[in-house]
Amino acid sequence: MSSVGKNWKIDEIIMNYWETEGSKEKKKLELEC
């Protein structure tokens, strides 16, 4: 039960990370265009 909670937390962190990285990439592309 506790390991599932930990994994869920890690998934949330990974999703947040990818969302921030994705927005950075979009901004970079907009600046280049």
N, C-alpha and C. Protein backbone atom coordinates (compact mmCIF):
# COMPACT_ATOMS: atom_id res chain seq x y z
N MET A 1 0.84 -1.20 0.00
CA MET A 1 0.00 0.00 0.00
C MET A 1 0.88 1.26 0.00
N SER A 2 1.88 1.30 0.86
CA SER A 2 2.75 2.49 0.95
C SER A 2 3.59 2.64 -0.33
N SER A 3 4.01 1.51 -0.92
CA SER A 3 4.81 1.58 -2.15
C SER A 3 3.99 2.14 -3.30
N VAL A 4 2.70 1.82 -3.33
CA VAL A 4 1.82 2.37 -4.38
C VAL A 4 1.75 3.89 -4.22
N GLY A 5 1.64 4.35 -2.98
CA GLY A 5 1.60 5.80 -2.73
C GLY A 5 2.88 6.46 -3.19
N LYS A 6 4.02 5.83 -2.92
CA LYS A 6 5.31 6.38 -3.34
C LYS A 6 5.38 6.46 -4.87
N ASN A 7 4.98 5.36 -5.53
CA ASN A 7 5.02 5.33 -7.00
C ASN A 7 4.12 6.41 -7.58
N TRP A 8 2.95 6.61 -6.98
CA TRP A 8 2.02 7.63 -7.47
C TRP A 8 2.66 9.00 -7.34
N LYS A 9 3.35 9.24 -6.22
CA LYS A 9 4.02 10.52 -6.01
C LYS A 9 5.10 10.71 -7.06
N ILE A 10 5.87 9.67 -7.35
CA ILE A 10 6.93 9.75 -8.36
C ILE A 10 6.32 10.05 -9.73
N ASP A 11 5.20 9.37 -10.07
CA ASP A 11 4.54 9.63 -11.34
C ASP A 11 4.13 11.09 -11.44
N GLU A 12 3.61 11.64 -10.35
CA GLU A 12 3.17 13.03 -10.33
C GLU A 12 4.37 13.96 -10.59
N ILE A 13 5.49 13.67 -9.95
CA ILE A 13 6.71 14.47 -10.12
C ILE A 13 7.18 14.39 -11.58
N ILE A 14 7.17 13.19 -12.15
CA ILE A 14 7.60 13.01 -13.54
C ILE A 14 6.68 13.79 -14.47
N MET A 15 5.37 13.72 -14.25
CA MET A 15 4.42 14.45 -15.09
C MET A 15 4.67 15.94 -14.99
N ASN A 16 4.86 16.44 -13.77
CA ASN A 16 5.14 17.87 -13.57
C ASN A 16 6.43 18.26 -14.29
N TYR A 17 7.45 17.38 -14.18
CA TYR A 17 8.73 17.64 -14.84
C TYR A 17 8.54 17.76 -16.35
N TRP A 18 7.82 16.79 -16.94
CA TRP A 18 7.64 16.81 -18.40
C TRP A 18 6.82 17.99 -18.84
N GLU A 19 5.83 18.39 -18.02
CA GLU A 19 5.02 19.56 -18.38
C GLU A 19 5.88 20.82 -18.41
N THR A 20 6.76 20.98 -17.42
CA THR A 20 7.62 22.17 -17.38
C THR A 20 8.64 22.12 -18.51
N GLU A 21 9.20 20.94 -18.77
CA GLU A 21 10.17 20.80 -19.87
C GLU A 21 9.49 21.08 -21.20
N GLY A 22 8.27 20.59 -21.37
CA GLY A 22 7.52 20.80 -22.61
C GLY A 22 7.26 22.28 -22.85
N SER A 23 6.89 23.00 -21.81
CA SER A 23 6.61 24.43 -21.97
C SER A 23 7.90 25.19 -22.29
N LYS A 24 9.02 24.74 -21.74
CA LYS A 24 10.31 25.37 -22.05
C LYS A 24 10.63 25.16 -23.53
N GLU A 25 10.41 23.94 -24.03
CA GLU A 25 10.69 23.62 -25.43
C GLU A 25 9.81 24.48 -26.34
N LYS A 26 8.53 24.63 -25.99
CA LYS A 26 7.62 25.44 -26.80
C LYS A 26 8.11 26.88 -26.87
N LYS A 27 8.52 27.42 -25.73
CA LYS A 27 9.02 28.80 -25.69
C LYS A 27 10.25 28.93 -26.57
N LYS A 28 11.13 27.95 -26.51
CA LYS A 28 12.36 27.95 -27.31
C LYS A 28 12.01 27.96 -28.80
N LEU A 29 11.05 27.12 -29.20
CA LEU A 29 10.65 27.04 -30.61
C LEU A 29 10.04 28.36 -31.05
N GLU A 30 9.22 28.97 -30.18
CA GLU A 30 8.59 30.24 -30.53
C GLU A 30 9.65 31.32 -30.73
N LEU A 31 10.68 31.31 -29.90
CA LEU A 31 11.75 32.31 -30.04
C LEU A 31 12.53 32.11 -31.34
N GLU A 32 12.75 30.84 -31.72
CA GLU A 32 13.51 30.55 -32.93
C GLU A 32 12.73 30.95 -34.19
N CYS A 33 11.41 30.81 -34.18
CA CYS A 33 10.58 31.07 -35.36
C CYS A 33 10.42 32.55 -35.67
